[in-house]
Amino acid sequence: MRGSGGIVTSGREHGRSARHGRDRRAERVPGPPGRDRAASDGPGVAVIGGGIAGLCAATALAERGVRVTLYEREGSLGGRLAGWPVRLADGSAATMSRGFHAFFPQYYNLRGLLRRVDPGLDMLRRLPDYPLHHRSGLRDSFARVPRTPPWSALGFVALSPTFTWRDLARMRPGAALPLLDVRVPQVYERLDRISAADFLSRIRFPDAARHLAFEVFSRSFFADPQELSAAELVLMFHIYFLGSSEGLLFDVPAEPFPQALWHPLGRYLAGHGVRVRTGTEVTQAEPTADGGVHVVAEGAGRRFDAVVLALDPGGLRQLVAKSNELGDPSWRARIGRLRTAPPFLVSRLWLDRRVRADRPGFLGTSGFGSLDNVSVLERWEGEAARWSARTGGSVLELHAYAVAPEADRAREQRRLVDQLHAVYPELHGSRSIDQRHEWRADCPLFPVGGFGDRPTVHTPDPRVVVAGDVVRTHFPVALMERAATTGFLAANALLARWGVRGQTLWTVPGRGRSAPLRWAARLADR
């Protein structure tokens, strides 16, 4: 199989390292060949965007001797994983962020970035489980589910109260076969024009299990399943469940994002000569007649040899609209059609009492109105644990995804807390020592039929490359790992132009794991 970064080969052919995970079928993607470093007076690159994609691109380029300037309009690095200091009502110093993120072991390239500053990944902590709880009382767990397919699927059915053997027998096997042989981009060719909700109905996936399992994946995109492309849902199922033996349990940072991740990485980049300009918005990027790119930030322009656009969909649309000569008309039109997912709410509560000792660190919920999950931060984050030990309280985080844009925000915030009390009734009557509410609407929407409009790493201009989780690629990646992978691919595209060796990447297997099931899926597709 050939991907956009080179030939994909089995991990076994090139040896394995524990740092690439446990799955012996993980695939190694060599970077472009070339000399080890750029010349001392080598090219200069502007990386626009300091989230995961931009940080990966900046890292890969700087390590090869490229002169990098990293622009980030916010005051700190991290993008959607940024954090910032706050002072609580009790005088405590704390860190607020845009919310919990799960670092799955399948995120090979993101974890490779983090290993630059923490080779053992001691910054991360494995959660023992993340139960999925429905208001009816049904609850699923992943703690005892086998990690290796097909035993993972069979184990889930054997252990799940919501997905029984009877439910499995009622499913339509012919319609469900695309789950068993997922390849990119073929999965988009087959399923991009149907919604995730319609696909689940087509295969007769049981309603209770749909809420407790599949919607966890679809709502990770901050989207209603009626709007989400089925191809994205099926790809997620492959990455986490049927295509990988890494398992469904995940890691979380042991301290807030800035302290655990971005401050160390910022120092690493500075040590490689990267100029990090936070709080600086790029307003224009135009090709120049001498083969460069003119980048304007804070009213001042500077010439670079190339640029990496590592922006969220809204930021990318805005920059392209203001840069009249960037790309060609067809590319610019496709960028203009990119859509942003509905708003989401992250509420952080510092309470005067603790939740019950048996409450999990993370709980997915369904049937509780807009509440999608609850995190008990002192179970795994050091800062919250220290506050809890000192005060006797709990630090909780509540998420509500895909909120109606016209919703009354103050009312939604109150409803979210009321829904928390329905999930954890011991918190009735508790007092909030402080609470913070973050509303954002900057995640990409992957709508039905929208795959063709999404940008690739390459653009009509070889001086300009794009990275981020909105970017389409031939690799089976999603969410944070798609951002990391496309960031490295963007760097590789530029390094290849200059004859410099690129970054080696890893992915989960690029097709279904069972040859007979792959054959059956291809037969059904004829």
Protein backbone atom coordinates (compact mmCIF):
# COMPACT_ATOMS: atom_id res chain seq x y z
CA MET A 1 0.00 0.00 0.00
CA ARG A 2 1.29 3.50 -0.78
CA GLY A 3 0.53 6.49 1.41
CA SER A 4 1.18 10.17 0.91
CA GLY A 5 4.46 9.98 2.82
CA GLY A 6 6.05 6.96 1.11
CA ILE A 7 5.83 3.17 1.01
CA VAL A 8 3.96 1.60 3.92
CA THR A 9 5.51 -1.58 5.23
CA SER A 10 4.82 -3.95 8.08
CA GLY A 11 6.37 -3.13 11.43
CA ARG A 12 7.81 -6.66 11.52
CA GLU A 13 9.92 -6.02 8.44
CA HIS A 14 11.75 -3.17 10.12
CA GLY A 15 11.79 -4.47 13.68
CA ARG A 16 9.70 -3.27 16.59
CA SER A 17 10.31 -0.95 19.46
CA ALA A 18 8.17 -0.66 22.57
CA ARG A 19 7.86 3.02 21.79
CA HIS A 20 5.68 2.18 18.76
CA GLY A 21 3.17 0.18 20.80
CA ARG A 22 2.36 -3.49 21.14
CA ASP A 23 0.63 -4.15 17.80
CA ARG A 24 2.96 -6.20 15.61
CA ARG A 25 0.93 -5.21 12.57
CA ALA A 26 1.47 -1.49 13.05
CA GLU A 27 2.81 -0.05 9.80
CA ARG A 28 5.99 1.94 9.38
CA VAL A 29 6.02 4.81 6.90
CA PRO A 30 9.58 5.90 6.01
CA GLY A 31 10.06 9.59 5.42
CA PRO A 32 11.55 10.89 2.17
CA PRO A 33 15.27 10.10 1.78
CA GLY A 34 18.00 12.71 1.65
CA ARG A 35 20.84 14.25 3.57
CA ASP A 36 20.54 14.50 7.33
CA ARG A 37 20.33 18.29 7.63
CA ALA A 38 19.70 21.40 5.60
CA ALA A 39 22.62 23.67 4.89
CA SER A 40 23.56 26.18 7.58
CA ASP A 41 22.08 28.99 5.48
CA GLY A 42 19.15 26.75 4.54
CA PRO A 43 15.48 27.55 4.04
CA GLY A 44 13.26 29.50 6.40
CA VAL A 45 9.70 28.35 7.10
CA ALA A 46 6.75 30.02 8.79
CA VAL A 47 4.54 27.60 10.68
CA ILE A 48 1.19 29.29 11.28
CA GLY A 49 -0.62 27.69 14.19
CA GLY A 50 0.78 26.37 17.48
CA GLY A 51 -1.51 23.39 18.04
CA ILE A 52 -0.48 19.75 17.64
CA ALA A 53 -0.16 19.95 13.84
CA GLY A 54 1.98 23.08 13.90
CA LEU A 55 4.16 21.77 16.71
CA CYS A 56 4.82 18.53 14.83
CA ALA A 57 5.70 20.40 11.64
CA ALA A 58 7.97 22.83 13.49
CA THR A 59 9.71 19.99 15.33
CA ALA A 60 10.43 17.90 12.24
CA LEU A 61 11.71 20.91 10.30
CA ALA A 62 13.87 22.34 13.08
CA GLU A 63 15.46 18.97 13.81
CA ARG A 64 16.68 18.93 10.19
CA GLY A 65 18.25 22.37 10.45
CA VAL A 66 15.45 24.40 8.85
CA ARG A 67 15.03 27.91 10.26
CA VAL A 68 11.49 27.96 11.72
CA THR A 69 9.29 30.76 13.03
CA LEU A 70 6.16 29.48 14.75
CA TYR A 71 3.19 31.88 14.94
CA GLU A 72 0.31 31.32 17.37
CA ARG A 73 -2.45 33.88 17.79
CA GLU A 74 -3.31 32.75 21.34
CA GLY A 75 -1.05 33.49 24.27
CA SER A 76 0.17 29.93 24.69
CA LEU A 77 0.96 26.80 22.69
CA GLY A 78 -1.27 23.75 22.42
CA GLY A 79 -4.20 24.81 20.24
CA ARG A 80 -7.27 22.95 21.47
CA LEU A 81 -5.12 21.48 24.23
CA ALA A 82 -3.91 24.85 25.48
CA GLY A 83 -4.20 25.85 29.13
CA TRP A 84 -3.89 29.09 31.03
CA PRO A 85 -3.55 30.15 34.68
CA VAL A 86 -6.55 31.30 36.70
CA ARG A 87 -7.00 32.46 40.29
CA LEU A 88 -9.87 30.74 42.10
CA ALA A 89 -12.24 32.41 44.52
CA ASP A 90 -10.41 30.76 47.45
CA GLY A 91 -7.13 32.30 46.31
CA SER A 92 -5.74 29.08 44.82
CA ALA A 93 -3.73 29.17 41.61
CA ALA A 94 -5.16 26.74 39.05
CA THR A 95 -5.04 25.93 35.34
CA MET A 96 -8.08 26.16 33.08
CA SER A 97 -8.20 24.47 29.70
CA ARG A 98 -10.55 23.59 26.90
CA GLY A 99 -11.14 20.19 28.37
CA PHE A 100 -10.17 16.55 28.74
CA HIS A 101 -8.48 14.72 25.86
CA ALA A 102 -7.71 10.99 25.63
CA PHE A 103 -4.23 9.92 24.50
CA PHE A 104 -4.80 6.48 23.01
CA PRO A 105 -1.85 4.09 22.54
CA GLN A 106 -2.71 4.08 18.80
CA TYR A 107 -1.53 7.70 18.60
CA TYR A 108 1.95 6.66 17.52
CA ASN A 109 2.99 9.95 15.93
CA LEU A 110 1.61 12.21 18.63
CA ARG A 111 3.36 10.09 21.24
CA GLY A 112 6.51 10.30 19.13
CA LEU A 113 6.33 14.09 19.43
CA LEU A 114 5.94 13.88 23.20
CA ARG A 115 8.86 11.46 23.50
CA ARG A 116 11.16 14.27 22.38
CA VAL A 117 10.83 15.74 25.87
CA ASP A 118 9.83 12.64 27.88
CA PRO A 119 11.20 9.40 26.35
CA GLY A 120 9.33 7.21 28.84
CA LEU A 121 6.09 9.18 28.54
CA ASP A 122 6.01 9.56 32.31
CA MET A 123 3.89 12.67 31.72
CA LEU A 124 0.96 10.36 30.88
CA ARG A 125 -1.09 8.15 33.17
CA ARG A 126 -3.26 5.21 32.07
CA LEU A 127 -6.87 5.27 33.24
CA PRO A 128 -8.01 1.80 34.36
CA ASP A 129 -11.39 2.15 32.61
CA TYR A 130 -13.85 4.62 31.17
CA PRO A 131 -17.35 3.31 31.79
CA LEU A 132 -20.24 4.35 29.55
CA HIS A 133 -23.40 4.95 31.55
CA HIS A 134 -26.97 5.28 30.26
CA ARG A 135 -29.77 6.86 32.27
CA SER A 136 -31.62 3.51 32.14
CA GLY A 137 -28.90 2.07 34.39
CA LEU A 138 -27.08 0.09 31.72
CA ARG A 139 -23.32 0.44 31.89
CA ASP A 140 -20.51 -0.76 29.65
CA SER A 141 -16.87 -1.10 30.59
CA PHE A 142 -13.68 -1.59 28.57
CA ALA A 143 -11.41 -2.68 31.41
CA ARG A 144 -11.75 -6.42 30.71
CA VAL A 145 -12.27 -6.33 26.94
CA PRO A 146 -9.44 -8.15 25.08
CA ARG A 147 -7.21 -5.89 23.04
CA THR A 148 -6.60 -8.00 19.93
CA PRO A 149 -9.23 -8.32 17.17
CA PRO A 150 -11.42 -10.25 16.67
CA TRP A 151 -11.39 -11.16 20.36
CA SER A 152 -11.92 -7.50 21.22
CA ALA A 153 -15.30 -7.46 19.44
CA LEU A 154 -16.32 -10.89 20.73
CA GLY A 155 -15.20 -9.97 24.25
CA PHE A 156 -17.20 -6.75 24.15
CA VAL A 157 -20.35 -8.66 23.15
CA ALA A 158 -19.74 -11.28 25.85
CA LEU A 159 -19.30 -8.67 28.59
CA SER A 160 -21.73 -5.96 27.46
CA PRO A 161 -25.24 -5.65 28.92
CA THR A 162 -26.22 -3.43 25.99
CA PHE A 163 -24.93 -5.47 23.05
CA THR A 164 -25.89 -9.11 23.40
CA TRP A 165 -25.41 -12.17 21.21
CA ARG A 166 -29.07 -11.82 20.24
CA ASP A 167 -28.38 -8.27 19.03
CA LEU A 168 -25.42 -9.55 17.04
CA ALA A 169 -27.61 -12.15 15.36
CA ARG A 170 -30.14 -9.46 14.36
CA MET A 171 -27.59 -7.32 12.58
CA ARG A 172 -27.39 -7.32 8.80
CA PRO A 173 -24.00 -8.90 8.10
CA GLY A 174 -23.85 -7.76 4.48
CA ALA A 175 -24.42 -4.13 5.42
CA ALA A 176 -21.93 -4.37 8.30
CA LEU A 177 -19.07 -5.82 6.22
CA PRO A 178 -17.47 -2.38 5.59
CA LEU A 179 -16.49 -2.44 9.26
CA LEU A 180 -14.25 -5.42 8.62
CA ASP A 181 -12.07 -4.10 5.81
CA VAL A 182 -11.46 -0.41 6.33
CA ARG A 183 -9.02 1.24 3.94
CA VAL A 184 -8.34 4.87 3.17
CA PRO A 185 -9.51 6.47 0.89
CA GLN A 186 -11.80 3.59 -0.15
CA VAL A 187 -13.88 3.92 3.02
CA TYR A 188 -14.77 7.47 1.97
CA GLU A 189 -15.65 6.36 -1.55
CA ARG A 190 -18.09 3.84 -0.08
CA LEU A 191 -19.55 5.64 2.92
CA ASP A 192 -18.96 9.39 2.77
CA ARG A 193 -22.40 10.03 1.29
CA ILE A 194 -24.32 8.42 4.14
CA SER A 195 -24.63 9.74 7.70
CA ALA A 196 -23.32 7.87 10.72
CA ALA A 197 -26.87 7.59 12.06
CA ASP A 198 -28.20 6.13 8.81
CA PHE A 199 -25.35 3.64 8.61
CA LEU A 200 -26.07 2.39 12.13
CA SER A 201 -29.72 1.97 11.20
CA ARG A 202 -28.77 0.18 7.98
CA ILE A 203 -26.76 -2.45 9.85
CA ARG A 204 -29.41 -2.72 12.62
CA PHE A 205 -27.03 -1.74 15.37
CA PRO A 206 -29.01 -1.97 18.67
CA ASP A 207 -30.18 1.37 20.04
CA ALA A 208 -28.79 0.98 23.56
CA ALA A 209 -25.37 -0.04 22.32
CA ARG A 210 -25.49 2.75 19.76
CA HIS A 211 -25.79 5.33 22.51
CA LEU A 212 -23.19 3.77 24.75
CA ALA A 213 -20.54 2.84 22.20
CA PHE A 214 -20.73 4.30 18.71
CA GLU A 215 -21.93 7.74 19.74
CA VAL A 216 -18.86 8.04 21.93
CA PHE A 217 -16.90 7.98 18.67
CA SER A 218 -19.21 10.23 16.67
CA ARG A 219 -19.50 12.84 19.40
CA SER A 220 -15.72 12.93 19.70
CA PHE A 221 -16.07 15.00 16.53
CA PHE A 222 -18.44 17.42 18.34
CA ALA A 223 -21.09 16.47 15.82
CA ASP A 224 -24.55 14.97 15.80
CA PRO A 225 -24.52 11.50 14.17
CA GLN A 226 -27.14 12.72 11.69
CA GLU A 227 -24.59 15.19 10.28
CA LEU A 228 -21.40 13.14 10.56
CA SER A 229 -20.10 11.16 7.58
CA ALA A 230 -20.41 7.42 8.16
CA ALA A 231 -16.91 7.04 6.74
CA GLU A 232 -15.44 8.89 9.73
CA LEU A 233 -17.40 6.73 12.16
CA VAL A 234 -16.32 3.48 10.49
CA LEU A 235 -12.70 4.67 10.35
CA MET A 236 -12.82 5.37 14.08
CA PHE A 237 -14.16 1.87 14.72
CA HIS A 238 -11.22 0.47 12.75
CA ILE A 239 -8.61 2.58 14.55
CA TYR A 240 -9.76 1.78 18.07
CA PHE A 241 -11.57 -1.55 17.90
CA LEU A 242 -11.33 -3.88 14.90
CA GLY A 243 -8.12 -2.73 13.22
CA SER A 244 -5.69 -2.36 16.12
CA SER A 245 -4.58 -4.52 19.02
CA GLU A 246 -3.55 -1.56 21.17
CA GLY A 247 -6.86 -1.69 23.03
CA LEU A 248 -9.49 0.83 24.07
CA LEU A 249 -7.98 2.14 27.29
CA PHE A 250 -6.18 5.46 27.10
CA ASP A 251 -3.76 7.78 28.88
CA VAL A 252 -4.25 11.26 30.27
CA PRO A 253 -1.65 13.88 31.25
CA ALA A 254 -0.59 13.63 34.88
CA GLU A 255 -0.50 17.45 35.15
CA PRO A 256 -2.32 20.21 33.23
CA PHE A 257 -1.47 20.47 29.53
CA PRO A 258 0.96 23.41 29.74
CA GLN A 259 3.07 21.94 32.53
CA ALA A 260 3.04 18.36 31.26
CA LEU A 261 3.31 18.93 27.50
CA TRP A 262 3.75 22.38 26.03
CA HIS A 263 6.23 24.12 28.32
CA PRO A 264 8.79 21.29 27.88
CA LEU A 265 8.16 21.13 24.13
CA GLY A 266 8.47 24.91 23.83
CA ARG A 267 11.89 24.71 25.47
CA TYR A 268 12.84 21.86 23.13
CA LEU A 269 11.89 23.91 20.08
CA ALA A 270 13.77 26.96 21.35
CA GLY A 271 16.83 24.73 21.80
CA HIS A 272 16.56 23.87 18.09
CA GLY A 273 16.47 27.51 17.10
CA VAL A 274 12.72 27.91 16.61
CA ARG A 275 11.39 31.44 17.11
CA VAL A 276 8.10 30.97 18.95
CA ARG A 277 5.81 33.98 18.61
CA THR A 278 2.70 33.44 20.74
CA GLY A 279 0.02 36.11 20.89
CA THR A 280 0.76 36.90 17.24
CA GLU A 281 -1.87 36.50 14.54
CA VAL A 282 -0.86 36.09 10.90
CA THR A 283 -3.24 38.10 8.73
CA GLN A 284 -1.85 37.43 5.25
CA ALA A 285 0.42 35.01 3.39
CA GLU A 286 1.17 35.73 -0.27
CA PRO A 287 3.54 34.05 -2.76
CA THR A 288 6.38 36.28 -3.94
CA ALA A 289 7.90 36.57 -7.41
CA ASP A 290 11.26 35.28 -6.17
CA GLY A 291 9.81 31.94 -5.07
CA GLY A 292 9.10 32.74 -1.43
CA VAL A 293 6.06 33.55 0.71
CA HIS A 294 5.42 36.98 2.26
CA VAL A 295 3.89 36.56 5.72
CA VAL A 296 2.25 39.52 7.48
CA ALA A 297 1.80 39.52 11.28
CA GLU A 298 1.02 42.54 13.46
CA GLY A 299 1.32 44.77 10.42
CA ALA A 300 4.89 43.73 9.61
CA GLY A 301 5.85 41.49 6.69
CA ARG A 302 8.63 38.95 6.40
CA ARG A 303 9.75 36.66 3.58
CA PHE A 304 10.00 32.90 4.06
CA ASP A 305 10.89 30.13 1.66
CA ALA A 306 7.75 28.17 2.54
CA VAL A 307 4.79 28.17 4.90
CA VAL A 308 2.83 25.53 6.85
CA LEU A 309 -0.83 26.41 7.39
CA ALA A 310 -1.70 24.59 10.63
CA LEU A 311 -4.92 26.40 11.48
CA ASP A 312 -8.42 25.42 12.55
CA PRO A 313 -11.06 25.55 9.77
CA GLY A 314 -12.22 29.06 10.62
CA GLY A 315 -8.68 30.41 10.84
CA LEU A 316 -7.73 28.72 7.57
CA ARG A 317 -10.78 30.13 5.76
CA GLN A 318 -10.05 33.59 7.09
CA LEU A 319 -6.36 33.61 6.16
CA VAL A 320 -7.00 32.27 2.66
CA ALA A 321 -9.76 34.82 2.10
CA LYS A 322 -7.34 37.64 2.98
CA SER A 323 -4.47 36.22 0.88
CA ASN A 324 -5.65 36.85 -2.68
CA GLU A 325 -2.85 35.03 -4.49
CA LEU A 326 -2.65 31.95 -2.27
CA GLY A 327 -3.44 28.73 -4.15
CA ASP A 328 -5.66 28.63 -7.23
CA PRO A 329 -9.41 29.41 -7.54
CA SER A 330 -10.52 25.77 -7.17
CA TRP A 331 -8.43 25.23 -4.02
CA ARG A 332 -9.55 28.54 -2.52
CA ALA A 333 -13.20 27.66 -3.16
CA ARG A 334 -12.82 24.31 -1.40
CA ILE A 335 -11.21 26.00 1.61
CA GLY A 336 -14.10 28.47 1.67
CA ARG A 337 -16.60 25.61 1.92
CA LEU A 338 -15.02 24.04 5.00
CA ARG A 339 -17.48 23.85 7.88
CA THR A 340 -17.03 24.19 11.60
CA ALA A 341 -18.73 21.84 14.08
CA PRO A 342 -21.42 23.22 16.43
CA PRO A 343 -20.36 24.88 19.69
CA PHE A 344 -19.30 22.82 22.68
CA LEU A 345 -19.18 23.64 26.38
CA VAL A 346 -16.55 22.69 28.94
CA SER A 347 -17.52 23.43 32.56
CA ARG A 348 -14.93 23.09 35.34
CA LEU A 349 -16.26 22.99 38.92
CA TRP A 350 -14.25 23.25 42.12
CA LEU A 351 -16.67 21.83 44.72
CA ASP A 352 -16.63 21.89 48.52
CA ARG A 353 -17.18 18.14 48.82
CA ARG A 354 -15.82 15.03 47.16
CA VAL A 355 -17.59 12.59 44.92
CA ARG A 356 -17.85 9.02 46.15
CA ALA A 357 -14.56 7.15 46.25
CA ASP A 358 -15.74 4.59 43.67
CA ARG A 359 -16.48 7.15 40.97
CA PRO A 360 -14.24 6.68 37.89
CA GLY A 361 -11.82 9.29 36.63
CA PHE A 362 -13.80 9.53 33.40
CA LEU A 363 -17.41 8.56 32.71
CA GLY A 364 -19.18 8.74 29.37
CA THR A 365 -22.91 9.44 29.70
CA SER A 366 -26.03 9.09 27.55
CA GLY A 367 -29.63 10.01 28.23
CA PHE A 368 -28.74 12.85 30.61
CA GLY A 369 -29.66 15.73 28.32
CA SER A 370 -26.65 17.58 26.95
CA LEU A 371 -24.15 16.02 29.37
CA ASP A 372 -21.70 13.85 27.40
CA ASN A 373 -19.12 12.98 30.04
CA VAL A 374 -17.82 13.73 33.51
CA SER A 375 -14.19 13.80 34.61
CA VAL A 376 -13.09 13.64 38.25
CA LEU A 377 -9.77 15.38 37.81
CA GLU A 378 -8.23 14.57 41.18
CA ARG A 379 -8.25 10.91 40.17
CA TRP A 380 -5.42 11.56 37.69
CA GLU A 381 -4.27 15.19 37.51
CA GLY A 382 -1.70 16.29 40.06
CA GLU A 383 -2.82 19.90 40.34
CA ALA A 384 -6.43 18.90 41.03
CA ALA A 385 -5.34 16.15 43.44
CA ARG A 386 -3.31 18.64 45.48
CA TRP A 387 -6.26 21.06 45.63
CA SER A 388 -8.60 18.24 46.66
CA ALA A 389 -6.22 17.03 49.39
CA ARG A 390 -5.89 20.56 50.78
CA THR A 391 -9.60 21.49 50.71
CA GLY A 392 -11.49 18.22 50.94
CA GLY A 393 -13.33 19.03 47.71
CA SER A 394 -13.50 17.68 44.16
CA VAL A 395 -12.54 19.14 40.79
CA LEU A 396 -15.01 18.06 38.11
CA GLU A 397 -15.16 18.73 34.40
CA LEU A 398 -18.37 18.43 32.38
CA HIS A 399 -18.62 18.35 28.57
CA ALA A 400 -21.56 19.12 26.32
CA TYR A 401 -20.90 18.58 22.61
CA ALA A 402 -22.82 19.81 19.57
CA VAL A 403 -24.86 22.41 21.44
CA ALA A 404 -27.38 24.29 19.31
CA PRO A 405 -25.76 27.55 18.16
CA GLU A 406 -28.82 29.54 19.24
CA ALA A 407 -28.91 28.02 22.77
CA ASP A 408 -29.01 30.31 25.81
CA ARG A 409 -25.50 29.79 27.17
CA ALA A 410 -26.19 30.66 30.80
CA ARG A 411 -29.14 28.27 30.79
CA GLU A 412 -27.05 25.49 29.22
CA GLN A 413 -24.40 25.94 31.91
CA ARG A 414 -27.00 25.58 34.67
CA ARG A 415 -28.57 22.54 32.97
CA LEU A 416 -25.20 20.84 32.74
CA VAL A 417 -24.71 21.11 36.52
CA ASP A 418 -28.25 19.82 37.12
CA GLN A 419 -27.51 16.83 34.91
CA LEU A 420 -24.34 16.16 36.90
CA HIS A 421 -26.49 15.81 40.03
CA ALA A 422 -28.60 13.18 38.28
CA VAL A 423 -25.42 11.18 37.53
CA TYR A 424 -23.71 11.73 40.90
CA PRO A 425 -26.56 12.41 43.37
CA GLU A 426 -24.16 12.70 46.31
CA LEU A 427 -23.31 16.17 44.98
CA HIS A 428 -26.82 17.54 45.60
CA GLY A 429 -26.42 20.53 47.88
CA SER A 430 -22.69 20.89 47.22
CA ARG A 431 -21.30 24.40 46.89
CA SER A 432 -19.11 25.59 44.04
CA ILE A 433 -16.05 27.29 45.43
CA ASP A 434 -15.44 28.37 41.85
CA GLN A 435 -16.57 27.42 38.37
CA ARG A 436 -15.39 28.28 34.86
CA HIS A 437 -17.23 27.75 31.58
CA GLU A 438 -15.49 27.61 28.19
CA TRP A 439 -17.53 27.89 24.99
CA ARG A 440 -15.74 27.14 21.72
CA ALA A 441 -16.74 26.49 18.10
CA ASP A 442 -13.55 25.86 16.15
CA CYS A 443 -13.48 22.11 15.48
CA PRO A 444 -13.88 20.77 11.93
CA LEU A 445 -17.18 19.27 10.87
CA PHE A 446 -16.95 16.18 8.67
CA PRO A 447 -20.36 16.33 7.02
CA VAL A 448 -21.96 13.79 4.75
CA GLY A 449 -20.35 14.09 1.31
CA GLY A 450 -17.70 16.56 2.48
CA PHE A 451 -14.54 14.48 2.04
CA GLY A 452 -13.72 15.86 -1.42
CA ASP A 453 -13.69 19.44 -0.17
CA ARG A 454 -11.20 18.82 2.60
CA PRO A 455 -7.65 20.00 1.88
CA THR A 456 -4.72 17.64 1.50
CA VAL A 457 -1.24 18.33 2.82
CA HIS A 458 -0.19 19.45 -0.67
CA THR A 459 -1.63 22.56 -2.32
CA PRO A 460 -1.35 23.90 -5.89
CA ASP A 461 1.76 25.78 -4.69
CA PRO A 462 4.65 23.55 -3.48
CA ARG A 463 5.76 26.37 -1.16
CA VAL A 464 2.52 26.06 0.80
CA VAL A 465 1.42 22.98 2.76
CA VAL A 466 -1.50 22.38 5.11
CA ALA A 467 -1.69 20.42 8.37
CA GLY A 468 -4.38 19.72 10.95
CA ASP A 469 -7.21 17.36 11.83
CA VAL A 470 -9.31 18.75 8.96
CA VAL A 471 -6.73 17.54 6.41
CA ARG A 472 -7.47 14.37 4.45
CA THR A 473 -4.73 11.82 4.08
CA HIS A 474 -4.37 8.22 2.95
CA PHE A 475 -3.51 7.11 6.48
CA PRO A 476 -6.03 5.58 8.96
CA VAL A 477 -5.78 8.38 11.53
CA ALA A 478 -8.26 10.68 13.26
CA LEU A 479 -8.55 13.46 15.81
CA MET A 480 -5.28 14.37 17.58
CA GLU A 481 -3.36 11.70 15.69
CA ARG A 482 -4.53 13.09 12.36
CA ALA A 483 -3.26 16.51 13.45
CA ALA A 484 0.12 15.07 14.45
CA THR A 485 0.46 12.89 11.35
CA THR A 486 -0.40 15.67 8.91
CA GLY A 487 1.97 18.02 10.73
CA PHE A 488 4.84 15.60 10.12
CA LEU A 489 3.66 14.97 6.55
CA ALA A 490 3.64 18.71 5.85
CA ALA A 491 7.22 18.94 7.11
CA ASN A 492 8.18 15.91 4.99
CA ALA A 493 6.72 17.51 1.86
CA LEU A 494 8.97 20.56 2.33
CA LEU A 495 12.03 18.55 3.33
CA ALA A 496 11.67 16.41 0.19
CA ARG A 497 11.79 19.58 -1.95
CA TRP A 498 15.13 20.45 -0.38
CA GLY A 499 16.63 16.95 -0.49
CA VAL A 500 16.57 16.52 3.29
CA ARG A 501 15.60 13.30 5.05
CA GLY A 502 12.11 13.30 6.53
CA GLN A 503 10.33 11.96 9.59
CA THR A 504 9.43 8.25 9.81
CA LEU A 505 5.79 7.71 10.78
CA TRP A 506 3.70 4.83 12.14
CA THR A 507 0.01 3.99 11.73
CA VAL A 508 -2.45 1.31 12.72
CA PRO A 509 -2.85 -1.36 10.00
CA GLY A 510 -4.20 0.09 6.78
CA ARG A 511 -6.74 -2.68 6.16
CA GLY A 512 -8.86 -5.22 8.04
CA ARG A 513 -6.90 -7.82 10.01
CA SER A 514 -8.65 -10.95 8.73
CA ALA A 515 -8.08 -12.11 5.13
CA PRO A 516 -11.38 -14.08 4.91
CA LEU A 517 -13.34 -11.09 6.23
CA ARG A 518 -11.56 -8.76 3.82
CA TRP A 519 -12.53 -11.10 0.99
CA ALA A 520 -16.16 -11.17 2.15
CA ALA A 521 -16.25 -7.36 2.37
CA ARG A 522 -14.89 -6.98 -1.16
CA LEU A 523 -17.38 -9.56 -2.45
CA ALA A 524 -20.30 -7.70 -0.86
CA ASP A 525 -19.13 -4.44 -2.38
CA ARG A 526 -19.35 -5.70 -5.98
